[in-house]
């Protein structure tokens, strides 16, 4: 479900997962070609999930990567859940691509071709 225009995820200009596309150089997100207005945090959350190619990312890891928090508490991990909820609402039907891994964290919908990578 995720494809990229370049090999290096850190430098990729375009990330896509199903009907979601991120144009990283312009900080633009679209769903089925229609723009989606995201906050800075929502954008970083979505980009992080898309770059990880379906790997599960724990709430703690998301707090470290997106918010740059260290030594997080259970209460702080709820922050991730709230922001994921807001992101899903803005993505509409594309929100089904963000999967919750119960008691762990989140990942983008899995694509079998990633297994060999």
PDB file of N, CA and C in Angstrom:
ATOM      1  N   UNK A   1       0.800  -1.192   0.000  1.00  0.00           N
ATOM      2  CA  UNK A   1       0.000   0.000   0.000  1.00  0.00           C
ATOM      3  C   UNK A   1       0.846   1.260   0.000  1.00  0.00           C
ATOM      4  N   UNK A   2       2.064   1.188   0.479  1.00  0.00           N
ATOM      5  CA  UNK A   2       2.916   2.364   0.477  1.00  0.00           C
ATOM      6  C   UNK A   2       3.912   2.236  -0.652  1.00  0.00           C
ATOM      7  N   UNK A   3       4.021   3.286  -1.452  1.00  0.00           N
ATOM      8  CA  UNK A   3       5.043   3.328  -2.483  1.00  0.00           C
ATOM      9  C   UNK A   3       5.758   4.657  -2.348  1.00  0.00           C
ATOM     10  N   UNK A   4       6.946   4.723  -2.923  1.00  0.00           N
ATOM     11  CA  UNK A   4       7.711   5.945  -2.811  1.00  0.00           C
ATOM     12  C   UNK A   4       8.376   6.268  -4.121  1.00  0.00           C
ATOM     13  N   UNK A   5       8.558   7.570  -4.385  1.00  0.00           N
ATOM     14  CA  UNK A   5       9.163   7.986  -5.629  1.00  0.00           C
ATOM     15  C   UNK A   5      10.674   7.838  -5.600  1.00  0.00           C
ATOM     16  N   UNK A   6      11.249   7.702  -4.410  1.00  0.00           N
ATOM     17  CA  UNK A   6      12.685   7.546  -4.277  1.00  0.00           C
ATOM     18  C   UNK A   6      12.975   6.418  -3.295  1.00  0.00           C
ATOM     19  N   UNK A   7      14.188   5.895  -3.372  1.00  0.00           N
ATOM     20  CA  UNK A   7      14.560   4.758  -2.538  1.00  0.00           C
ATOM     21  C   UNK A   7      14.716   5.146  -1.072  1.00  0.00           C
ATOM     22  N   UNK A   8      15.362   6.255  -0.782  1.00  0.00           N
ATOM     23  CA  UNK A   8      15.622   6.685   0.590  1.00  0.00           C
ATOM     24  C   UNK A   8      14.381   7.354   1.173  1.00  0.00           C
ATOM     25  N   UNK A   9      13.769   6.724   2.196  1.00  0.00           N
ATOM     26  CA  UNK A   9      12.549   7.261   2.793  1.00  0.00           C
ATOM     27  C   UNK A   9      12.745   8.647   3.377  1.00  0.00           C
ATOM     28  N   UNK A  10      13.911   8.928   3.925  1.00  0.00           N
ATOM     29  CA  UNK A  10      14.148  10.225   4.543  1.00  0.00           C
ATOM     30  C   UNK A  10      14.131  11.361   3.530  1.00  0.00           C
ATOM     31  N   UNK A  11      14.506  11.068   2.277  1.00  0.00           N
ATOM     32  CA  UNK A  11      14.587  12.089   1.248  1.00  0.00           C
ATOM     33  C   UNK A  11      13.469  11.987   0.216  1.00  0.00           C
ATOM     34  N   UNK A  12      12.541  11.070   0.396  1.00  0.00           N
ATOM     35  CA  UNK A  12      11.484  10.865  -0.584  1.00  0.00           C
ATOM     36  C   UNK A  12      10.635  12.121  -0.730  1.00  0.00           C
ATOM     37  N   UNK A  13      10.280  12.435  -1.958  1.00  0.00           N
ATOM     38  CA  UNK A  13       9.434  13.594  -2.214  1.00  0.00           C
ATOM     39  C   UNK A  13       7.964  13.252  -2.044  1.00  0.00           C
ATOM     40  N   UNK A  14       7.604  11.999  -2.330  1.00  0.00           N
ATOM     41  CA  UNK A  14       6.215  11.583  -2.241  1.00  0.00           C
ATOM     42  C   UNK A  14       6.122  10.243  -1.539  1.00  0.00           C
ATOM     43  N   UNK A  15       5.234  10.163  -0.560  1.00  0.00           N
ATOM     44  CA  UNK A  15       4.903   8.913   0.106  1.00  0.00           C
ATOM     45  C   UNK A  15       3.435   8.651  -0.179  1.00  0.00           C
ATOM     46  N   UNK A  16       3.083   7.399  -0.405  1.00  0.00           N
ATOM     47  CA  UNK A  16       1.665   7.101  -0.583  1.00  0.00           C
ATOM     48  C   UNK A  16       1.312   5.800   0.097  1.00  0.00           C
ATOM     49  N   UNK A  17       0.107   5.778   0.625  1.00  0.00           N
ATOM     50  CA  UNK A  17      -0.453   4.586   1.254  1.00  0.00           C
ATOM     51  C   UNK A  17      -1.907   4.542   0.821  1.00  0.00           C
ATOM     52  N   UNK A  18      -2.217   3.613  -0.064  1.00  0.00           N
ATOM     53  CA  UNK A  18      -3.577   3.547  -0.576  1.00  0.00           C
ATOM     54  C   UNK A  18      -3.951   4.865  -1.231  1.00  0.00           C
ATOM     55  N   UNK A  19      -4.982   5.525  -0.716  1.00  0.00           N
ATOM     56  CA  UNK A  19      -5.452   6.785  -1.297  1.00  0.00           C
ATOM     57  C   UNK A  19      -4.855   8.019  -0.617  1.00  0.00           C
ATOM     58  N   UNK A  20      -3.928   7.802   0.317  1.00  0.00           N
ATOM     59  CA  UNK A  20      -3.266   8.915   1.015  1.00  0.00           C
ATOM     60  C   UNK A  20      -1.935   9.199   0.329  1.00  0.00           C
ATOM     61  N   UNK A  21      -1.673  10.471   0.068  1.00  0.00           N
ATOM     62  CA  UNK A  21      -0.394  10.883  -0.507  1.00  0.00           C
ATOM     63  C   UNK A  21       0.156  12.042   0.310  1.00  0.00           C
ATOM     64  N   UNK A  22       1.467  11.971   0.583  1.00  0.00           N
ATOM     65  CA  UNK A  22       2.168  13.079   1.235  1.00  0.00           C
ATOM     66  C   UNK A  22       3.228  13.579   0.258  1.00  0.00           C
ATOM     67  N   UNK A  23       3.191  14.876  -0.015  1.00  0.00           N
ATOM     68  CA  UNK A  23       4.236  15.532  -0.805  1.00  0.00           C
ATOM     69  C   UNK A  23       5.144  16.208   0.220  1.00  0.00           C
ATOM     70  N   UNK A  24       6.238  15.526   0.564  1.00  0.00           N
ATOM     71  CA  UNK A  24       7.045  15.931   1.713  1.00  0.00           C
ATOM     72  C   UNK A  24       7.740  17.273   1.539  1.00  0.00           C
ATOM     73  N   UNK A  25       8.173  17.603   0.345  1.00  0.00           N
ATOM     74  CA  UNK A  25       8.880  18.877   0.170  1.00  0.00           C
ATOM     75  C   UNK A  25       7.962  20.073   0.362  1.00  0.00           C
ATOM     76  N   UNK A  26       6.662  19.866   0.168  1.00  0.00           N
ATOM     77  CA  UNK A  26       5.700  20.962   0.299  1.00  0.00           C
ATOM     78  C   UNK A  26       4.790  20.806   1.512  1.00  0.00           C
ATOM     79  N   UNK A  27       4.981  19.749   2.284  1.00  0.00           N
ATOM     80  CA  UNK A  27       4.171  19.467   3.469  1.00  0.00           C
ATOM     81  C   UNK A  27       2.689  19.419   3.127  1.00  0.00           C
ATOM     82  N   UNK A  28       2.365  18.759   2.024  1.00  0.00           N
ATOM     83  CA  UNK A  28       0.978  18.634   1.578  1.00  0.00           C
ATOM     84  C   UNK A  28       0.511  17.201   1.707  1.00  0.00           C
ATOM     85  N   UNK A  29      -0.722  17.041   2.178  1.00  0.00           N
ATOM     86  CA  UNK A  29      -1.336  15.719   2.305  1.00  0.00           C
ATOM     87  C   UNK A  29      -2.629  15.744   1.511  1.00  0.00           C
ATOM     88  N   UNK A  30      -2.872  14.657   0.772  1.00  0.00           N
ATOM     89  CA  UNK A  30      -4.136  14.554   0.049  1.00  0.00           C
ATOM     90  C   UNK A  30      -4.700  13.143   0.204  1.00  0.00           C
ATOM     91  N   UNK A  31      -6.021  13.079   0.106  1.00  0.00           N
ATOM     92  CA  UNK A  31      -6.743  11.807   0.117  1.00  0.00           C
ATOM     93  C   UNK A  31      -7.554  11.784  -1.168  1.00  0.00           C
ATOM     94  N   UNK A  32      -7.284  10.798  -2.007  1.00  0.00           N
ATOM     95  CA  UNK A  32      -7.931  10.704  -3.325  1.00  0.00           C
ATOM     96  C   UNK A  32      -7.777  12.000  -4.110  1.00  0.00           C
ATOM     97  N   UNK A  33      -6.624  12.632  -3.971  1.00  0.00           N
ATOM     98  CA  UNK A  33      -6.338  13.854  -4.708  1.00  0.00           C
ATOM     99  C   UNK A  33      -6.881  15.127  -4.101  1.00  0.00           C
ATOM    100  N   UNK A  34      -7.654  15.019  -3.032  1.00  0.00           N
ATOM    101  CA  UNK A  34      -8.205  16.199  -2.369  1.00  0.00           C
ATOM    102  C   UNK A  34      -7.340  16.574  -1.167  1.00  0.00           C
ATOM    103  N   UNK A  35      -7.006  17.856  -1.024  1.00  0.00           N
ATOM    104  CA  UNK A  35      -6.129  18.264   0.081  1.00  0.00           C
ATOM    105  C   UNK A  35      -6.757  18.045   1.451  1.00  0.00           C
ATOM    106  N   UNK A  36      -5.906  17.705   2.393  1.00  0.00           N
ATOM    107  CA  UNK A  36      -6.328  17.521   3.784  1.00  0.00           C
ATOM    108  C   UNK A  36      -5.477  18.463   4.627  1.00  0.00           C
ATOM    109  N   UNK A  37      -6.128  19.283   5.426  1.00  0.00           N
ATOM    110  CA  UNK A  37      -5.449  20.250   6.274  1.00  0.00           C
ATOM    111  C   UNK A  37      -5.107  19.608   7.608  1.00  0.00           C
ATOM    112  N   UNK A  38      -3.815  19.377   7.840  1.00  0.00           N
ATOM    113  CA  UNK A  38      -3.358  18.745   9.082  1.00  0.00           C
ATOM    114  C   UNK A  38      -2.534  19.714   9.899  1.00  0.00           C
ATOM    115  N   UNK A  39      -2.551  19.521  11.205  1.00  0.00           N
ATOM    116  CA  UNK A  39      -1.647  20.276  12.069  1.00  0.00           C
ATOM    117  C   UNK A  39      -0.241  19.701  11.905  1.00  0.00           C
ATOM    118  N   UNK A  40       0.720  20.401  12.443  1.00  0.00           N
ATOM    119  CA  UNK A  40       2.116  19.965  12.394  1.00  0.00           C
ATOM    120  C   UNK A  40       2.272  18.561  12.993  1.00  0.00           C
ATOM    121  N   UNK A  41       1.691  18.333  14.158  1.00  0.00           N
ATOM    122  CA  UNK A  41       1.798  17.039  14.837  1.00  0.00           C
ATOM    123  C   UNK A  41       1.100  15.948  14.040  1.00  0.00           C
ATOM    124  N   UNK A  42      -0.094  16.223  13.526  1.00  0.00           N
ATOM    125  CA  UNK A  42      -0.821  15.237  12.729  1.00  0.00           C
ATOM    126  C   UNK A  42      -0.020  14.847  11.493  1.00  0.00           C
ATOM    127  N   UNK A  43       0.586  15.837  10.853  1.00  0.00           N
ATOM    128  CA  UNK A  43       1.420  15.572   9.676  1.00  0.00           C
ATOM    129  C   UNK A  43       2.595  14.665  10.049  1.00  0.00           C
ATOM    130  N   UNK A  44       3.284  14.996  11.121  1.00  0.00           N
ATOM    131  CA  UNK A  44       4.438  14.183  11.539  1.00  0.00           C
ATOM    132  C   UNK A  44       4.023  12.762  11.918  1.00  0.00           C
ATOM    133  N   UNK A  45       2.895  12.608  12.588  1.00  0.00           N
ATOM    134  CA  UNK A  45       2.391  11.274  12.928  1.00  0.00           C
ATOM    135  C   UNK A  45       2.139  10.457  11.665  1.00  0.00           C
ATOM    136  N   UNK A  46       1.421  11.047  10.714  1.00  0.00           N
ATOM    137  CA  UNK A  46       1.103  10.343   9.477  1.00  0.00           C
ATOM    138  C   UNK A  46       2.365   9.993   8.707  1.00  0.00           C
ATOM    139  N   UNK A  47       3.271  10.933   8.584  1.00  0.00           N
ATOM    140  CA  UNK A  47       4.518  10.685   7.860  1.00  0.00           C
ATOM    141  C   UNK A  47       5.320   9.567   8.534  1.00  0.00           C
ATOM    142  N   UNK A  48       5.402   9.583   9.857  1.00  0.00           N
ATOM    143  CA  UNK A  48       6.132   8.557  10.590  1.00  0.00           C
ATOM    144  C   UNK A  48       5.538   7.177  10.322  1.00  0.00           C
ATOM    145  N   UNK A  49       4.223   7.067  10.371  1.00  0.00           N
ATOM    146  CA  UNK A  49       3.563   5.785  10.110  1.00  0.00           C
ATOM    147  C   UNK A  49       3.803   5.321   8.672  1.00  0.00           C
ATOM    148  N   UNK A  50       3.772   6.243   7.730  1.00  0.00           N
ATOM    149  CA  UNK A  50       3.949   5.878   6.326  1.00  0.00           C
ATOM    150  C   UNK A  50       5.389   5.481   6.006  1.00  0.00           C
ATOM    151  N   UNK A  51       6.340   6.161   6.593  1.00  0.00           N
ATOM    152  CA  UNK A  51       7.747   5.832   6.355  1.00  0.00           C
ATOM    153  C   UNK A  51       8.093   4.455   6.912  1.00  0.00           C
ATOM    154  N   UNK A  52       7.443   4.046   7.987  1.00  0.00           N
ATOM    155  CA  UNK A  52       7.756   2.769   8.633  1.00  0.00           C
ATOM    156  C   UNK A  52       7.201   1.542   7.914  1.00  0.00           C
ATOM    157  N   UNK A  53       6.533   1.725   6.799  1.00  0.00           N
ATOM    158  CA  UNK A  53       6.111   0.611   5.941  1.00  0.00           C
ATOM    159  C   UNK A  53       5.378  -0.511   6.658  1.00  0.00           C
ATOM    160  N   UNK A  54       4.400  -0.173   7.457  1.00  0.00           N
ATOM    161  CA  UNK A  54       3.589  -1.194   8.096  1.00  0.00           C
ATOM    162  C   UNK A  54       4.128  -1.761   9.387  1.00  0.00           C
ATOM    163  N   UNK A  55       5.290  -1.312   9.816  1.00  0.00           N
ATOM    164  CA  UNK A  55       5.829  -1.776  11.101  1.00  0.00           C
ATOM    165  C   UNK A  55       5.040  -1.141  12.240  1.00  0.00           C
ATOM    166  N   UNK A  56       4.869  -1.896  13.302  1.00  0.00           N
ATOM    167  CA  UNK A  56       4.176  -1.372  14.474  1.00  0.00           C
ATOM    168  C   UNK A  56       5.096  -0.380  15.172  1.00  0.00           C
ATOM    169  N   UNK A  57       4.534   0.782  15.503  1.00  0.00           N
ATOM    170  CA  UNK A  57       5.282   1.796  16.245  1.00  0.00           C
ATOM    171  C   UNK A  57       4.559   1.999  17.570  1.00  0.00           C
ATOM    172  N   UNK A  58       5.263   1.787  18.651  1.00  0.00           N
ATOM    173  CA  UNK A  58       4.639   1.926  19.973  1.00  0.00           C
ATOM    174  C   UNK A  58       4.292   3.382  20.247  1.00  0.00           C
ATOM    175  N   UNK A  59       3.373   3.566  21.161  1.00  0.00           N
ATOM    176  CA  UNK A  59       2.995   4.922  21.559  1.00  0.00           C
ATOM    177  C   UNK A  59       4.212   5.665  22.114  1.00  0.00           C
ATOM    178  N   UNK A  60       5.029   4.957  22.881  1.00  0.00           N
ATOM    179  CA  UNK A  60       6.226   5.567  23.457  1.00  0.00           C
ATOM    180  C   UNK A  60       7.183   6.027  22.368  1.00  0.00           C
ATOM    181  N   UNK A  61       7.364   5.199  21.341  1.00  0.00           N
ATOM    182  CA  UNK A  61       8.254   5.555  20.230  1.00  0.00           C
ATOM    183  C   UNK A  61       7.705   6.754  19.465  1.00  0.00           C
ATOM    184  N   UNK A  62       6.387   6.801  19.292  1.00  0.00           N
ATOM    185  CA  UNK A  62       5.789   7.954  18.615  1.00  0.00           C
ATOM    186  C   UNK A  62       5.987   9.227  19.433  1.00  0.00           C
ATOM    187  N   UNK A  63       5.852   9.127  20.752  1.00  0.00           N
ATOM    188  CA  UNK A  63       6.100  10.295  21.609  1.00  0.00           C
ATOM    189  C   UNK A  63       7.545  10.769  21.469  1.00  0.00           C
ATOM    190  N   UNK A  64       8.470   9.848  21.375  1.00  0.00           N
ATOM    191  CA  UNK A  64       9.875  10.223  21.216  1.00  0.00           C
ATOM    192  C   UNK A  64      10.132  10.839  19.849  1.00  0.00           C
ATOM    193  N   UNK A  65       9.609  10.223  18.787  1.00  0.00           N
ATOM    194  CA  UNK A  65       9.890  10.685  17.422  1.00  0.00           C
ATOM    195  C   UNK A  65       9.160  11.969  17.047  1.00  0.00           C
ATOM    196  N   UNK A  66       7.906  12.096  17.449  1.00  0.00           N
ATOM    197  CA  UNK A  66       7.097  13.234  17.023  1.00  0.00           C
ATOM    198  C   UNK A  66       7.173  14.389  18.018  1.00  0.00           C
ATOM    199  N   UNK A  67       7.054  14.081  19.307  1.00  0.00           N
ATOM    200  CA  UNK A  67       7.063  15.121  20.335  1.00  0.00           C
ATOM    201  C   UNK A  67       8.440  15.296  20.971  1.00  0.00           C
ATOM    202  N   UNK A  68       9.345  14.378  20.746  1.00  0.00           N
ATOM    203  CA  UNK A  68      10.697  14.370  21.332  1.00  0.00           C
ATOM    204  C   UNK A  68      10.652  14.249  22.854  1.00  0.00           C
ATOM    205  N   UNK A  69       9.686  13.451  23.339  1.00  0.00           N
ATOM    206  CA  UNK A  69       9.576  13.166  24.762  1.00  0.00           C
ATOM    207  C   UNK A  69      10.474  11.985  25.104  1.00  0.00           C
ATOM    208  N   UNK A  70      10.979  11.973  26.307  1.00  0.00           N
ATOM    209  CA  UNK A  70      11.704  10.834  26.819  1.00  0.00           C
ATOM    210  C   UNK A  70      11.077  10.397  28.133  1.00  0.00           C
ATOM    211  N   UNK A  71      11.279   9.165  28.539  1.00  0.00           N
ATOM    212  CA  UNK A  71      10.731   8.650  29.801  1.00  0.00           C
ATOM    213  C   UNK A  71       9.254   9.016  29.974  1.00  0.00           C
ATOM    214  N   UNK A  72       8.423   8.450  29.122  1.00  0.00           N
ATOM    215  CA  UNK A  72       7.009   8.812  29.112  1.00  0.00           C
ATOM    216  C   UNK A  72       6.207   7.986  30.108  1.00  0.00           C
ATOM    217  N   UNK A  73       5.104   8.567  30.561  1.00  0.00           N
ATOM    218  CA  UNK A  73       4.201   7.866  31.472  1.00  0.00           C
ATOM    219  C   UNK A  73       2.990   7.364  30.691  1.00  0.00           C
ATOM    220  N   UNK A  74       2.203   6.515  31.313  1.00  0.00           N
ATOM    221  CA  UNK A  74       0.995   5.991  30.696  1.00  0.00           C
ATOM    222  C   UNK A  74       0.050   7.122  30.314  1.00  0.00           C
ATOM    223  N   UNK A  75      -0.044   8.136  31.160  1.00  0.00           N
ATOM    224  CA  UNK A  75      -0.912   9.276  30.881  1.00  0.00           C
ATOM    225  C   UNK A  75      -0.468   9.995  29.608  1.00  0.00           C
ATOM    226  N   UNK A  76       0.831  10.145  29.415  1.00  0.00           N
ATOM    227  CA  UNK A  76       1.338  10.829  28.233  1.00  0.00           C
ATOM    228  C   UNK A  76       1.078  10.034  26.958  1.00  0.00           C
ATOM    229  N   UNK A  77       1.062   8.711  27.038  1.00  0.00           N
ATOM    230  CA  UNK A  77       0.800   7.923  25.834  1.00  0.00           C
ATOM    231  C   UNK A  77      -0.613   8.141  25.327  1.00  0.00           C
ATOM    232  N   UNK A  78      -1.511   8.588  26.195  1.00  0.00           N
ATOM    233  CA  UNK A  78      -2.883   8.911  25.783  1.00  0.00           C
ATOM    234  C   UNK A  78      -2.879  10.066  24.784  1.00  0.00           C
ATOM    235  N   UNK A  79      -1.884  10.934  24.856  1.00  0.00           N
ATOM    236  CA  UNK A  79      -1.720  12.033  23.907  1.00  0.00           C
ATOM    237  C   UNK A  79      -1.677  11.504  22.479  1.00  0.00           C
ATOM    238  N   UNK A  80      -0.962  10.417  22.287  1.00  0.00           N
ATOM    239  CA  UNK A  80      -0.859   9.812  20.959  1.00  0.00           C
ATOM    240  C   UNK A  80      -2.239   9.371  20.488  1.00  0.00           C
ATOM    241  N   UNK A  81      -2.985   8.709  21.349  1.00  0.00           N
ATOM    242  CA  UNK A  81      -4.318   8.231  20.986  1.00  0.00           C
ATOM    243  C   UNK A  81      -5.239   9.373  20.563  1.00  0.00           C
ATOM    244  N   UNK A  82      -5.186  10.468  21.301  1.00  0.00           N
ATOM    245  CA  UNK A  82      -6.026  11.623  20.984  1.00  0.00           C
ATOM    246  C   UNK A  82      -5.661  12.197  19.621  1.00  0.00           C
ATOM    247  N   UNK A  83      -4.375  12.342  19.359  1.00  0.00           N
ATOM    248  CA  UNK A  83      -3.940  12.897  18.074  1.00  0.00           C
ATOM    249  C   UNK A  83      -4.227  11.943  16.911  1.00  0.00           C
ATOM    250  N   UNK A  84      -4.071  10.654  17.136  1.00  0.00           N
ATOM    251  CA  UNK A  84      -4.423   9.676  16.101  1.00  0.00           C
ATOM    252  C   UNK A  84      -5.919   9.776  15.799  1.00  0.00           C
ATOM    253  N   UNK A  85      -6.739   9.933  16.818  1.00  0.00           N
ATOM    254  CA  UNK A  85      -8.179  10.092  16.626  1.00  0.00           C
ATOM    255  C   UNK A  85      -8.510  11.303  15.769  1.00  0.00           C
ATOM    256  N   UNK A  86      -7.847  12.412  16.039  1.00  0.00           N
ATOM    257  CA  UNK A  86      -8.062  13.628  15.247  1.00  0.00           C
ATOM    258  C   UNK A  86      -7.592  13.437  13.815  1.00  0.00           C
ATOM    259  N   UNK A  87      -6.453  12.776  13.656  1.00  0.00           N
ATOM    260  CA  UNK A  87      -5.925  12.498  12.325  1.00  0.00           C
ATOM    261  C   UNK A  87      -6.894  11.620  11.541  1.00  0.00           C
ATOM    262  N   UNK A  88      -7.378  10.580  12.167  1.00  0.00           N
ATOM    263  CA  UNK A  88      -8.333   9.686  11.497  1.00  0.00           C
ATOM    264  C   UNK A  88      -9.579  10.444  11.048  1.00  0.00           C
ATOM    265  N   UNK A  89     -10.071  11.317  11.882  1.00  0.00           N
ATOM    266  CA  UNK A  89     -11.267  12.095  11.544  1.00  0.00           C
ATOM    267  C   UNK A  89     -11.021  12.930  10.289  1.00  0.00           C
ATOM    268  N   UNK A  90      -9.865  13.549  10.207  1.00  0.00           N
ATOM    269  CA  UNK A  90      -9.546  14.391   9.056  1.00  0.00           C
ATOM    270  C   UNK A  90      -9.315  13.573   7.781  1.00  0.00           C
ATOM    271  N   UNK A  91      -8.834  12.330   7.936  1.00  0.00           N
ATOM    272  CA  UNK A  91      -8.564  11.489   6.767  1.00  0.00           C
ATOM    273  C   UNK A  91      -9.830  10.841   6.214  1.00  0.00           C
ATOM    274  N   UNK A  92     -10.911  10.874   6.967  1.00  0.00           N
ATOM    275  CA  UNK A  92     -12.169  10.295   6.487  1.00  0.00           C
ATOM    276  C   UNK A  92     -12.033   8.808   6.221  1.00  0.00           C
ATOM    277  N   UNK A  93     -12.501   8.360   5.049  1.00  0.00           N
ATOM    278  CA  UNK A  93     -12.482   6.925   4.741  1.00  0.00           C
ATOM    279  C   UNK A  93     -11.070   6.347   4.679  1.00  0.00           C
ATOM    280  N   UNK A  94     -10.072   7.191   4.442  1.00  0.00           N
ATOM    281  CA  UNK A  94      -8.683   6.726   4.412  1.00  0.00           C
ATOM    282  C   UNK A  94      -8.175   6.377   5.807  1.00  0.00           C
ATOM    283  N   UNK A  95      -8.909   6.766   6.834  1.00  0.00           N
ATOM    284  CA  UNK A  95      -8.490   6.482   8.206  1.00  0.00           C
ATOM    285  C   UNK A  95      -8.399   4.985   8.478  1.00  0.00           C
ATOM    286  N   UNK A  96      -9.081   4.176   7.670  1.00  0.00           N
ATOM    287  CA  UNK A  96      -9.028   2.722   7.837  1.00  0.00           C
ATOM    288  C   UNK A  96      -7.622   2.177   7.596  1.00  0.00           C
ATOM    289  N   UNK A  97      -6.756   2.970   6.971  1.00  0.00           N
ATOM    290  CA  UNK A  97      -5.379   2.539   6.727  1.00  0.00           C
ATOM    291  C   UNK A  97      -4.505   2.636   7.974  1.00  0.00           C
ATOM    292  N   UNK A  98      -4.937   3.403   8.969  1.00  0.00           N
ATOM    293  CA  UNK A  98      -4.195   3.492  10.231  1.00  0.00           C
ATOM    294  C   UNK A  98      -4.778   2.456  11.182  1.00  0.00           C
ATOM    295  N   UNK A  99      -3.988   1.459  11.476  1.00  0.00           N
ATOM    296  CA  UNK A  99      -4.449   0.346  12.293  1.00  0.00           C
ATOM    297  C   UNK A  99      -3.936   0.465  13.723  1.00  0.00           C
ATOM    298  N   UNK A 100      -4.792   0.158  14.668  1.00  0.00           N
ATOM    299  CA  UNK A 100      -4.409   0.120  16.075  1.00  0.00           C
ATOM    300  C   UNK A 100      -3.928  -1.281  16.405  1.00  0.00           C
ATOM    301  N   UNK A 101      -2.773  -1.371  17.024  1.00  0.00           N
ATOM    302  CA  UNK A 101      -2.270  -2.644  17.525  1.00  0.00           C
ATOM    303  C   UNK A 101      -2.475  -2.581  19.034  1.00  0.00           C
ATOM    304  N   UNK A 102      -3.483  -3.289  19.468  1.00  0.00           N
ATOM    305  CA  UNK A 102      -3.945  -3.186  20.847  1.00  0.00           C
ATOM    306  C   UNK A 102      -2.818  -3.349  21.866  1.00  0.00           C
ATOM    307  N   UNK A 103      -2.790  -2.459  22.836  1.00  0.00           N
ATOM    308  CA  UNK A 103      -1.804  -2.430  23.922  1.00  0.00           C
ATOM    309  C   UNK A 103      -0.377  -2.160  23.461  1.00  0.00           C
ATOM    310  N   UNK A 104      -0.189  -1.786  22.198  1.00  0.00           N
ATOM    311  CA  UNK A 104       1.158  -1.522  21.702  1.00  0.00           C
ATOM    312  C   UNK A 104       1.247  -0.143  21.065  1.00  0.00           C
ATOM    313  N   UNK A 105       0.556   0.046  19.935  1.00  0.00           N
ATOM    314  CA  UNK A 105       0.660   1.311  19.211  1.00  0.00           C
ATOM    315  C   UNK A 105      -0.118   1.280  17.911  1.00  0.00           C
ATOM    316  N   UNK A 106       0.525   1.746  16.847  1.00  0.00           N
ATOM    317  CA  UNK A 106      -0.154   1.896  15.562  1.00  0.00           C
ATOM    318  C   UNK A 106       0.760   1.490  14.411  1.00  0.00           C
ATOM    319  N   UNK A 107       0.129   1.219  13.260  1.00  0.00           N
ATOM    320  CA  UNK A 107       0.866   0.987  12.023  1.00  0.00           C
ATOM    321  C   UNK A 107      -0.048   1.295  10.855  1.00  0.00           C
ATOM    322  N   UNK A 108       0.565   1.522   9.698  1.00  0.00           N
ATOM    323  CA  UNK A 108      -0.215   1.672   8.477  1.00  0.00           C
ATOM    324  C   UNK A 108      -0.579   0.274   8.005  1.00  0.00           C
ATOM    325  N   UNK A 109      -1.653   0.176   7.231  1.00  0.00           N
ATOM    326  CA  UNK A 109      -2.105  -1.112   6.720  1.00  0.00           C
ATOM    327  C   UNK A 109      -0.946  -1.851   6.059  1.00  0.00           C
ATOM    328  N   UNK A 110      -0.845  -3.124   6.329  1.00  0.00           N
ATOM    329  CA  UNK A 110       0.273  -3.946   5.906  1.00  0.00           C
ATOM    330  C   UNK A 110       0.175  -4.356   4.446  1.00  0.00           C
ATOM    331  N   UNK A 111       1.301  -4.364   3.789  1.00  0.00           N
ATOM    332  CA  UNK A 111       1.368  -4.796   2.391  1.00  0.00           C
ATOM    333  C   UNK A 111       2.376  -5.945   2.307  1.00  0.00           C
ATOM    334  N   UNK A 112       1.999  -7.110   1.764  1.00  0.00           N
ATOM    335  CA  UNK A 112       2.864  -8.287   1.766  1.00  0.00           C
ATOM    336  C   UNK A 112       4.234  -8.110   1.143  1.00  0.00           C
ATOM    337  N   UNK A 113       4.398  -7.232   0.162  1.00  0.00           N
ATOM    338  CA  UNK A 113       5.717  -7.085  -0.471  1.00  0.00           C
ATOM    339  C   UNK A 113       6.774  -6.527   0.476  1.00  0.00           C
ATOM    340  N   UNK A 114       6.373  -5.998   1.633  1.00  0.00           N
ATOM    341  CA  UNK A 114       7.338  -5.480   2.600  1.00  0.00           C
ATOM    342  C   UNK A 114       8.064  -6.587   3.329  1.00  0.00           C
ATOM    343  N   UNK A 115       7.530  -7.779   3.340  1.00  0.00           N
ATOM    344  CA  UNK A 115       8.128  -8.878   4.096  1.00  0.00           C
ATOM    345  C   UNK A 115       9.564  -9.129   3.656  1.00  0.00           C
ATOM    346  N   UNK A 116       9.825  -9.059   2.366  1.00  0.00           N
ATOM    347  CA  UNK A 116      11.160  -9.362   1.849  1.00  0.00           C
ATOM    348  C   UNK A 116      12.126  -8.190   2.007  1.00  0.00           C
ATOM    349  N   UNK A 117      11.649  -7.036   2.434  1.00  0.00           N
ATOM    350  CA  UNK A 117      12.536  -5.861   2.522  1.00  0.00           C
ATOM    351  C   UNK A 117      13.171  -5.740   3.870  1.00  0.00           C
TER     352      UNK A 117
END
